C-alpha atoms as a PDB file:
ATOM      1  CA  MET A   1       0.277   0.395  -0.168  1.00  0.00           C
ATOM      2  CA  LYS A   2       1.275   2.491  -0.847  1.00  0.00           C
ATOM      3  CA  ILE A   3       0.330   6.240   0.967  1.00  0.00           C
ATOM      4  CA  ALA A   4       0.859   9.844   0.373  1.00  0.00           C
ATOM      5  CA  VAL A   5       1.564  12.377   3.464  1.00  0.00           C
ATOM      6  CA  MET A   6       0.459  16.203   3.055  1.00  0.00           C
ATOM      7  CA  GLY A   7       2.492  18.205   5.775  1.00  0.00           C
ATOM      8  CA  ALA A   8       4.783  15.499   6.001  1.00  0.00           C
ATOM      9  CA  THR A   9       7.233  17.954   7.979  1.00  0.00           C
ATOM     10  CA  GLY A  10       4.481  19.163  10.797  1.00  0.00           C
ATOM     11  CA  THR A  11       3.781  18.128  13.816  1.00  0.00           C
ATOM     12  CA  ALA A  12       1.656  15.144  12.880  1.00  0.00           C
ATOM     13  CA  GLY A  13       2.394  14.402   9.758  1.00  0.00           C
ATOM     14  CA  SER A  14       5.916  13.759  10.828  1.00  0.00           C
ATOM     15  CA  ARG A  15       4.513  11.594  12.882  1.00  0.00           C
ATOM     16  CA  ALA A  16       2.553  10.045  10.420  1.00  0.00           C
ATOM     17  CA  VAL A  17       5.236   9.409   8.873  1.00  0.00           C
ATOM     18  CA  GLN A  18       6.945   7.645  11.071  1.00  0.00           C
ATOM     19  CA  ARG A  19       4.699   5.257  11.876  1.00  0.00           C
ATOM     20  CA  LEU A  20       3.520   4.254   8.531  1.00  0.00           C
ATOM     21  CA  LYS A  21       7.374   3.985   7.713  1.00  0.00           C
ATOM     22  CA  ALA A  22       7.907   1.579  10.915  1.00  0.00           C
ATOM     23  CA  ARG A  23       4.878  -0.906   9.536  1.00  0.00           C
ATOM     24  CA  ASP A  24       7.261  -0.815   6.205  1.00  0.00           C
ATOM     25  CA  PHE A  25       4.427   1.303   3.663  1.00  0.00           C
ATOM     26  CA  ASP A  26       5.584   3.048   0.838  1.00  0.00           C
ATOM     27  CA  VAL A  27       5.015   6.290   2.090  1.00  0.00           C
ATOM     28  CA  VAL A  28       5.154   9.751  -0.024  1.00  0.00           C
ATOM     29  CA  GLU A  29       5.994  12.766   1.772  1.00  0.00           C
ATOM     30  CA  VAL A  30       4.673  16.089   0.610  1.00  0.00           C
ATOM     31  CA  SER A  31       5.961  19.048   1.764  1.00  0.00           C
ATOM     32  CA  ARG A  32       7.620  22.476   0.165  1.00  0.00           C
ATOM     33  CA  SER A  33      10.270  21.024   1.078  1.00  0.00           C
ATOM     34  CA  CYS A  34       9.936  18.079  -1.414  1.00  0.00           C
ATOM     35  CA  GLY A  35       9.506  19.940  -3.874  1.00  0.00           C
ATOM     36  CA  ILE A  36       6.103  19.988  -4.156  1.00  0.00           C
ATOM     37  CA  ASP A  37       3.602  22.648  -3.730  1.00  0.00           C
ATOM     38  CA  LEU A  38       0.263  22.578  -2.052  1.00  0.00           C
ATOM     39  CA  VAL A  39      -0.987  26.015  -2.883  1.00  0.00           C
ATOM     40  CA  THR A  40       0.256  26.130  -6.143  1.00  0.00           C
ATOM     41  CA  GLY A  41      -0.129  22.501  -7.253  1.00  0.00           C
ATOM     42  CA  GLU A  42       3.284  22.243  -8.340  1.00  0.00           C
ATOM     43  CA  GLY A  43       4.734  18.680  -8.534  1.00  0.00           C
ATOM     44  CA  LEU A  44       0.747  17.089  -5.981  1.00  0.00           C
ATOM     45  CA  THR A  45      -0.473  15.529  -9.013  1.00  0.00           C
ATOM     46  CA  ASP A  46       2.719  13.740 -10.032  1.00  0.00           C
ATOM     47  CA  ALA A  47       3.476  12.540  -6.553  1.00  0.00           C
ATOM     48  CA  LEU A  48       0.002  10.664  -6.397  1.00  0.00           C
ATOM     49  CA  ALA A  49       1.344   8.767  -9.345  1.00  0.00           C
ATOM     50  CA  ASP A  50       0.074   5.159  -7.848  1.00  0.00           C
ATOM     51  CA  VAL A  51      -1.456   6.150  -4.861  1.00  0.00           C
ATOM     52  CA  ASP A  52      -3.636   4.216  -2.665  1.00  0.00           C
ATOM     53  CA  ALA A  53      -4.545   6.601   0.550  1.00  0.00           C
ATOM     54  CA  VAL A  54      -4.025  10.522   1.510  1.00  0.00           C
ATOM     55  CA  VAL A  55      -3.230  11.654   5.227  1.00  0.00           C
ATOM     56  CA  ASP A  56      -4.242  15.983   5.087  1.00  0.00           C
ATOM     57  CA  ALA A  57      -2.422  16.860   7.587  1.00  0.00           C
ATOM     58  CA  SER A  58      -0.832  20.189   6.443  1.00  0.00           C
ATOM     59  CA  ASN A  59      -1.359  24.041   7.611  1.00  0.00           C
ATOM     60  CA  VAL A  60      -0.534  26.046   4.643  1.00  0.00           C
ATOM     61  CA  GLY A  61      -0.289  29.630   3.688  1.00  0.00           C
ATOM     62  CA  PRO A  62       1.210  32.902   5.396  1.00  0.00           C
ATOM     63  CA  SER A  63       0.900  33.122   9.180  1.00  0.00           C
ATOM     64  CA  ASP A  64       0.802  36.713   9.206  1.00  0.00           C
ATOM     65  CA  ASP A  65      -2.680  37.372   7.018  1.00  0.00           C
ATOM     66  CA  PRO A  66      -5.725  35.846   7.904  1.00  0.00           C
ATOM     67  CA  ARG A  67      -6.768  36.446   4.923  1.00  0.00           C
ATOM     68  CA  LYS A  68      -4.382  34.964   2.967  1.00  0.00           C
ATOM     69  CA  ARG A  69      -3.938  32.395   4.935  1.00  0.00           C
ATOM     70  CA  ARG A  70      -7.880  31.320   3.778  1.00  0.00           C
ATOM     71  CA  GLY A  71      -7.358  31.437   0.105  1.00  0.00           C
ATOM     72  CA  ALA A  72      -4.330  29.145   0.325  1.00  0.00           C
ATOM     73  CA  VAL A  73      -5.838  26.706   2.939  1.00  0.00           C
ATOM     74  CA  THR A  74      -8.791  26.372   0.579  1.00  0.00           C
ATOM     75  CA  THR A  75      -6.754  26.536  -2.951  1.00  0.00           C
ATOM     76  CA  ALA A  76      -4.045  23.769  -1.435  1.00  0.00           C
ATOM     77  CA  THR A  77      -7.243  21.677  -0.249  1.00  0.00           C
ATOM     78  CA  ARG A  78      -9.202  22.246  -4.293  1.00  0.00           C
ATOM     79  CA  ASN A  79      -5.689  21.086  -5.536  1.00  0.00           C
ATOM     80  CA  VAL A  80      -5.623  17.887  -2.987  1.00  0.00           C
ATOM     81  CA  VAL A  81      -9.085  17.133  -4.321  1.00  0.00           C
ATOM     82  CA  ASP A  82      -8.195  17.247  -7.498  1.00  0.00           C
ATOM     83  CA  ALA A  83      -5.073  15.249  -7.354  1.00  0.00           C
ATOM     84  CA  CYS A  84      -6.769  12.585  -5.770  1.00  0.00           C
ATOM     85  CA  THR A  85      -9.115  12.585  -7.993  1.00  0.00           C
ATOM     86  CA  LYS A  86      -7.237  12.068 -11.523  1.00  0.00           C
ATOM     87  CA  GLN A  87      -4.801   9.541  -9.970  1.00  0.00           C
ATOM     88  CA  GLN A  88      -8.271   7.694  -8.627  1.00  0.00           C
ATOM     89  CA  VAL A  89      -6.597   7.999  -4.957  1.00  0.00           C
ATOM     90  CA  SER A  90      -9.590   5.728  -2.976  1.00  0.00           C
ATOM     91  CA  ARG A  91      -9.094   6.841   0.245  1.00  0.00           C
ATOM     92  CA  LEU A  92      -8.435  10.838   1.993  1.00  0.00           C
ATOM     93  CA  VAL A  93      -8.021  11.340   5.516  1.00  0.00           C
ATOM     94  CA  LEU A  94      -7.706  14.968   6.854  1.00  0.00           C
ATOM     95  CA  LEU A  95      -7.403  16.666  10.032  1.00  0.00           C
ATOM     96  CA  SER A  96      -8.953  19.173  11.384  1.00  0.00           C
ATOM     97  CA  ILE A  97     -10.474  21.308  14.343  1.00  0.00           C
ATOM     98  CA  VAL A  98     -13.124  20.648  16.884  1.00  0.00           C
ATOM     99  CA  GLY A  99     -15.559  23.416  17.897  1.00  0.00           C
ATOM    100  CA  ILE A 100     -14.550  25.657  14.545  1.00  0.00           C
ATOM    101  CA  GLU A 101     -18.209  25.663  13.484  1.00  0.00           C
ATOM    102  CA  HIS A 102     -19.300  27.624  16.861  1.00  0.00           C
ATOM    103  CA  PRO A 103     -20.693  31.197  15.670  1.00  0.00           C
ATOM    104  CA  ALA A 104     -17.845  32.953  17.753  1.00  0.00           C
ATOM    105  CA  PHE A 105     -15.441  31.466  15.023  1.00  0.00           C
ATOM    106  CA  ASP A 106     -17.669  33.439  11.913  1.00  0.00           C
ATOM    107  CA  ARG A 107     -14.618  36.559  12.123  1.00  0.00           C
ATOM    108  CA  PHE A 108     -11.862  34.547  12.186  1.00  0.00           C
ATOM    109  CA  GLU A 109     -10.148  33.776   8.990  1.00  0.00           C
ATOM    110  CA  TYR A 110      -8.306  30.622   9.992  1.00  0.00           C
ATOM    111  CA  TYR A 111     -11.633  29.190  11.310  1.00  0.00           C
ATOM    112  CA  LEU A 112     -13.266  30.389   8.554  1.00  0.00           C
ATOM    113  CA  ALA A 113     -10.773  28.583   6.182  1.00  0.00           C
ATOM    114  CA  LYS A 114     -10.972  25.505   8.429  1.00  0.00           C
ATOM    115  CA  ARG A 115     -14.176  25.016   7.034  1.00  0.00           C
ATOM    116  CA  GLU A 116     -14.254  25.478   4.067  1.00  0.00           C
ATOM    117  CA  GLN A 117     -11.628  22.962   4.303  1.00  0.00           C
ATOM    118  CA  GLU A 118     -13.896  21.075   5.295  1.00  0.00           C
ATOM    119  CA  ALA A 119     -16.633  21.148   2.830  1.00  0.00           C
ATOM    120  CA  ILE A 120     -14.416  21.178   0.158  1.00  0.00           C
ATOM    121  CA  VAL A 121     -13.675  17.164   1.210  1.00  0.00           C
ATOM    122  CA  GLU A 122     -16.860  16.247   2.087  1.00  0.00           C
ATOM    123  CA  ASN A 123     -18.833  17.406  -0.811  1.00  0.00           C
ATOM    124  CA  SER A 124     -16.539  15.738  -3.314  1.00  0.00           C
ATOM    125  CA  ASP A 125     -16.629  12.318  -4.764  1.00  0.00           C
ATOM    126  CA  LEU A 126     -13.969  10.486  -2.262  1.00  0.00           C
ATOM    127  CA  ASN A 127     -14.018   8.033   0.160  1.00  0.00           C
ATOM    128  CA  ALA A 128     -13.282  10.443   3.236  1.00  0.00           C
ATOM    129  CA  THR A 129     -12.882  11.188   6.959  1.00  0.00           C
ATOM    130  CA  LEU A 130     -12.375  13.976   9.131  1.00  0.00           C
ATOM    131  CA  VAL A 131     -10.569  13.781  11.821  1.00  0.00           C
ATOM    132  CA  LYS A 132     -11.036  16.830  13.983  1.00  0.00           C
ATOM    133  CA  THR A 133      -9.112  17.131  17.308  1.00  0.00           C
ATOM    134  CA  SER A 134      -9.222  19.279  20.300  1.00  0.00           C
ATOM    135  CA  GLN A 135      -6.018  21.235  21.187  1.00  0.00           C
ATOM    136  CA  TRP A 136      -3.460  19.476  20.936  1.00  0.00           C
ATOM    137  CA  HIS A 137      -0.901  19.096  24.323  1.00  0.00           C
ATOM    138  CA  GLU A 138       2.121  21.054  22.376  1.00  0.00           C
ATOM    139  CA  PHE A 139      -0.405  23.628  21.321  1.00  0.00           C
ATOM    140  CA  ALA A 140       0.874  24.994  25.383  1.00  0.00           C
ATOM    141  CA  THR A 141       3.641  26.352  23.583  1.00  0.00           C
ATOM    142  CA  ASN A 142       1.885  28.220  20.462  1.00  0.00           C
ATOM    143  CA  PRO A 143       2.733  31.597  19.628  1.00  0.00           C
ATOM    144  CA  ALA A 144      -2.021  31.755  18.415  1.00  0.00           C
ATOM    145  CA  ALA A 145      -2.128  31.786  22.495  1.00  0.00           C
ATOM    146  CA  VAL A 146       1.628  32.427  23.922  1.00  0.00           C
ATOM    147  CA  THR A 147       3.689  34.605  24.291  1.00  0.00           C
ATOM    148  CA  PHE A 148       7.787  34.162  25.470  1.00  0.00           C
ATOM    149  CA  HIS A 149      10.064  36.575  27.117  1.00  0.00           C
ATOM    150  CA  ALA A 150      12.940  36.996  28.571  1.00  0.00           C
ATOM    151  CA  ASP A 151      11.131  37.449  32.381  1.00  0.00           C
ATOM    152  CA  LYS A 152       8.034  35.778  32.115  1.00  0.00           C
ATOM    153  CA  VAL A 153       5.353  34.262  29.349  1.00  0.00           C
ATOM    154  CA  GLU A 154       1.890  34.870  28.148  1.00  0.00           C
ATOM    155  CA  VAL A 155      -0.708  32.909  27.858  1.00  0.00           C
ATOM    156  CA  GLN A 156      -4.263  33.655  27.028  1.00  0.00           C
ATOM    157  CA  ASP A 157      -6.921  32.114  29.689  1.00  0.00           C
ATOM    158  CA  TRP A 158      -8.749  29.106  27.373  1.00  0.00           C
ATOM    159  CA  LEU A 159     -10.289  26.436  28.720  1.00  0.00           C
ATOM    160  CA  VAL A 160      -8.955  23.072  26.868  1.00  0.00           C
ATOM    161  CA  GLN A 161      -8.722  18.993  26.556  1.00  0.00           C
ATOM    162  CA  PRO A 162      -5.376  18.839  24.827  1.00  0.00           C
ATOM    163  CA  VAL A 163      -4.976  15.386  23.094  1.00  0.00           C
ATOM    164  CA  ALA A 164      -1.028  14.399  22.470  1.00  0.00           C
ATOM    165  CA  ALA A 165       0.179  15.186  18.755  1.00  0.00           C
ATOM    166  CA  ASP A 166       1.612  11.471  18.972  1.00  0.00           C
ATOM    167  CA  ALA A 167      -1.804  10.049  19.944  1.00  0.00           C
ATOM    168  CA  VAL A 168      -3.484  12.107  16.626  1.00  0.00           C
ATOM    169  CA  ALA A 169      -1.352  10.518  14.731  1.00  0.00           C
ATOM    170  CA  ASP A 170      -1.901   6.929  15.757  1.00  0.00           C
ATOM    171  CA  VAL A 171      -5.781   7.932  14.809  1.00  0.00           C
ATOM    172  CA  LEU A 172      -4.518   9.133  11.314  1.00  0.00           C
ATOM    173  CA  VAL A 173      -3.027   6.032  10.475  1.00  0.00           C
ATOM    174  CA  GLN A 174      -5.569   4.323  11.559  1.00  0.00           C
ATOM    175  CA  GLU A 175      -8.184   5.613  10.003  1.00  0.00           C
ATOM    176  CA  VAL A 176      -6.322   5.338   6.363  1.00  0.00           C
ATOM    177  CA  LEU A 177      -5.661   1.975   6.808  1.00  0.00           C
ATOM    178  CA  LYS A 178      -8.394   0.543   8.783  1.00  0.00           C
ATOM    179  CA  PRO A 179     -11.106   2.892   7.834  1.00  0.00           C
ATOM    180  CA  SER A 180     -13.813   3.167  10.371  1.00  0.00           C
ATOM    181  CA  ASN A 181     -16.751   4.613   8.201  1.00  0.00           C
ATOM    182  CA  GLU A 182     -17.052   7.478  10.297  1.00  0.00           C
ATOM    183  CA  SER A 183     -17.252  10.891   7.813  1.00  0.00           C
ATOM    184  CA  ARG A 184     -16.229  12.577  10.829  1.00  0.00           C
ATOM    185  CA  VAL A 185     -13.489  10.904  13.398  1.00  0.00           C
ATOM    186  CA  LEU A 186     -14.184  13.257  16.956  1.00  0.00           C
ATOM    187  CA  ILE A 187     -11.139  13.189  19.479  1.00  0.00           C
ATOM    188  CA  THR A 188      -9.680  14.711  22.716  1.00  0.00           C
ATOM    189  CA  GLY A 189      -7.623  14.163  26.000  1.00  0.00           C
ATOM    190  CA  PRO A 190      -8.930  12.581  29.089  1.00  0.00           C
ATOM    191  CA  GLU A 191      -8.352  16.475  31.464  1.00  0.00           C
ATOM    192  CA  GLN A 192      -9.456  19.769  30.931  1.00  0.00           C
ATOM    193  CA  ILE A 193      -7.430  22.500  32.186  1.00  0.00           C
ATOM    194  CA  ARG A 194      -6.960  25.979  31.176  1.00  0.00           C
ATOM    195  CA  LEU A 195      -3.536  26.740  29.081  1.00  0.00           C
ATOM    196  CA  PRO A 196      -1.607  28.910  31.721  1.00  0.00           C
ATOM    197  CA  ASP A 197      -1.618  25.802  34.322  1.00  0.00           C
ATOM    198  CA  LEU A 198      -0.722  23.825  30.959  1.00  0.00           C
ATOM    199  CA  THR A 199       2.150  25.845  30.068  1.00  0.00           C
ATOM    200  CA  ARG A 200       3.458  26.859  33.770  1.00  0.00           C
ATOM    201  CA  ARG A 201       3.339  22.708  33.912  1.00  0.00           C
ATOM    202  CA  LEU A 202       5.314  22.291  31.081  1.00  0.00           C
ATOM    203  CA  LEU A 203       7.934  24.731  32.239  1.00  0.00           C
ATOM    204  CA  ASP A 204       8.115  23.359  35.221  1.00  0.00           C
ATOM    205  CA  ALA A 205       8.568  20.052  33.668  1.00  0.00           C
ATOM    206  CA  ARG A 206      11.417  21.576  31.255  1.00  0.00           C
ATOM    207  CA  GLY A 207      13.044  23.035  34.152  1.00  0.00           C
ATOM    208  CA  ASP A 208      12.336  27.162  32.812  1.00  0.00           C
ATOM    209  CA  SER A 209      11.656  28.581  36.446  1.00  0.00           C
ATOM    210  CA  ARG A 210      10.086  32.194  34.411  1.00  0.00           C
ATOM    211  CA  PRO A 211       6.765  33.280  35.271  1.00  0.00           C
ATOM    212  CA  VAL A 212       3.507  32.789  33.879  1.00  0.00           C
ATOM    213  CA  HIS A 213       0.903  35.565  33.268  1.00  0.00           C
ATOM    214  CA  THR A 214      -2.232  34.751  32.301  1.00  0.00           C
ATOM    215  CA  THR A 215      -3.325  37.283  29.978  1.00  0.00           C
ATOM    216  CA  GLU A 216      -7.372  37.299  28.518  1.00  0.00           C
ATOM    217  CA  PRO A 217      -8.174  35.615  25.346  1.00  0.00           C
ATOM    218  CA  TYR A 218      -9.339  36.850  21.992  1.00  0.00           C
ATOM    219  CA  PHE A 219     -12.772  36.910  22.516  1.00  0.00           C
ATOM    220  CA  LEU A 220     -14.478  35.044  25.475  1.00  0.00           C
ATOM    221  CA  GLU A 221     -15.896  32.296  24.688  1.00  0.00           C
ATOM    222  CA  LEU A 222     -12.219  30.760  24.271  1.00  0.00           C
ATOM    223  CA  LYS A 223     -12.042  31.610  27.893  1.00  0.00           C
ATOM    224  CA  GLU A 224     -15.543  29.388  28.212  1.00  0.00           C
ATOM    225  CA  GLY A 225     -14.501  26.350  26.748  1.00  0.00           C
ATOM    226  CA  VAL A 226     -15.233  27.181  23.016  1.00  0.00           C
ATOM    227  CA  LEU A 227     -13.138  24.767  21.883  1.00  0.00           C
ATOM    228  CA  LEU A 228     -13.506  21.455  23.497  1.00  0.00           C
ATOM    229  CA  ALA A 229     -14.555  18.778  22.327  1.00  0.00           C
ATOM    230  CA  PRO A 230     -18.498  17.742  22.138  1.00  0.00           C
ATOM    231  CA  ALA A 231     -19.585  14.120  24.864  1.00  0.00           C
ATOM    232  CA  GLU A 232     -19.473  11.621  22.013  1.00  0.00           C
ATOM    233  CA  ALA A 233     -15.907  12.590  21.332  1.00  0.00           C
ATOM    234  CA  ARG A 234     -13.494   9.897  21.498  1.00  0.00           C
ATOM    235  CA  VAL A 235     -11.306   9.880  24.212  1.00  0.00           C
ATOM    236  CA  VAL A 236      -7.679   9.187  23.653  1.00  0.00           C
ATOM    237  CA  GLY A 237      -4.668   9.637  26.433  1.00  0.00           C
ATOM    238  CA  PRO A 238      -2.111  10.587  27.929  1.00  0.00           C
ATOM    239  CA  ASP A 239      -3.273  12.896  30.360  1.00  0.00           C
ATOM    240  CA  VAL A 240      -0.846  15.863  30.837  1.00  0.00           C
ATOM    241  CA  GLU A 241       0.950  13.964  33.218  1.00  0.00           C
ATOM    242  CA  GLY A 242       2.024  11.149  31.385  1.00  0.00           C
ATOM    243  CA  TRP A 243       2.995  13.386  28.472  1.00  0.00           C
ATOM    244  CA  LEU A 244       5.026  15.424  30.614  1.00  0.00           C
ATOM    245  CA  SER A 245       6.518  12.357  31.301  1.00  0.00           C
ATOM    246  CA  THR A 246       7.788  11.729  27.133  1.00  0.00           C
ATOM    247  CA  VAL A 247       8.339  15.644  27.155  1.00  0.00           C
ATOM    248  CA  ASN A 248      12.194  17.208  27.309  1.00  0.00           C
END
């Protein structure tokens, strides 16, 4: 079986690549560093020659311009769907985020882009599954909500139920190899925690003594847990303590 991984050098994509190679699958790594551009489509169709399935864990676009990023995300997704169709790829698994349907995100270009990305995939003729996850443990250092200074760390007050990127990769691989026949698979971690607490515990585990200062989030709903997974989401480990035990 030949499997292509979009975003092969990213947090989830690189882990999916490692797991597939460890099981001796033929893996096509798709990223700009490999000479394949999802936004322009350069090299994409050729890369999917004889590919049986695709994992799309890409996160494309310029992070400094939300409007351009929205266009980049949707263009890349259309290119992926078109290339899969041309090469008769039988399976597509797309990584996305739980909770983005909430009206609170109606004015945020990135989340609008993710909604459009999901719609493009679901409205295609491909055998596709969306793997939608809550925030990852690794979000504890994400610049979208965490700012590092020489003498302190500022963290927005989000309520999250984080899942480890390793667990996300496990689900992506499982869905591409043994599909659950669900159009959407929702996953989350076993423990709710406020983001400043998660960051503080990570810094403690790394021996970083900088104090963590809590700041207000972009909008109130993040503080109230708008990105928590629904009750029917599949819970996958580890919990925060278990994840911290694996962190260098």
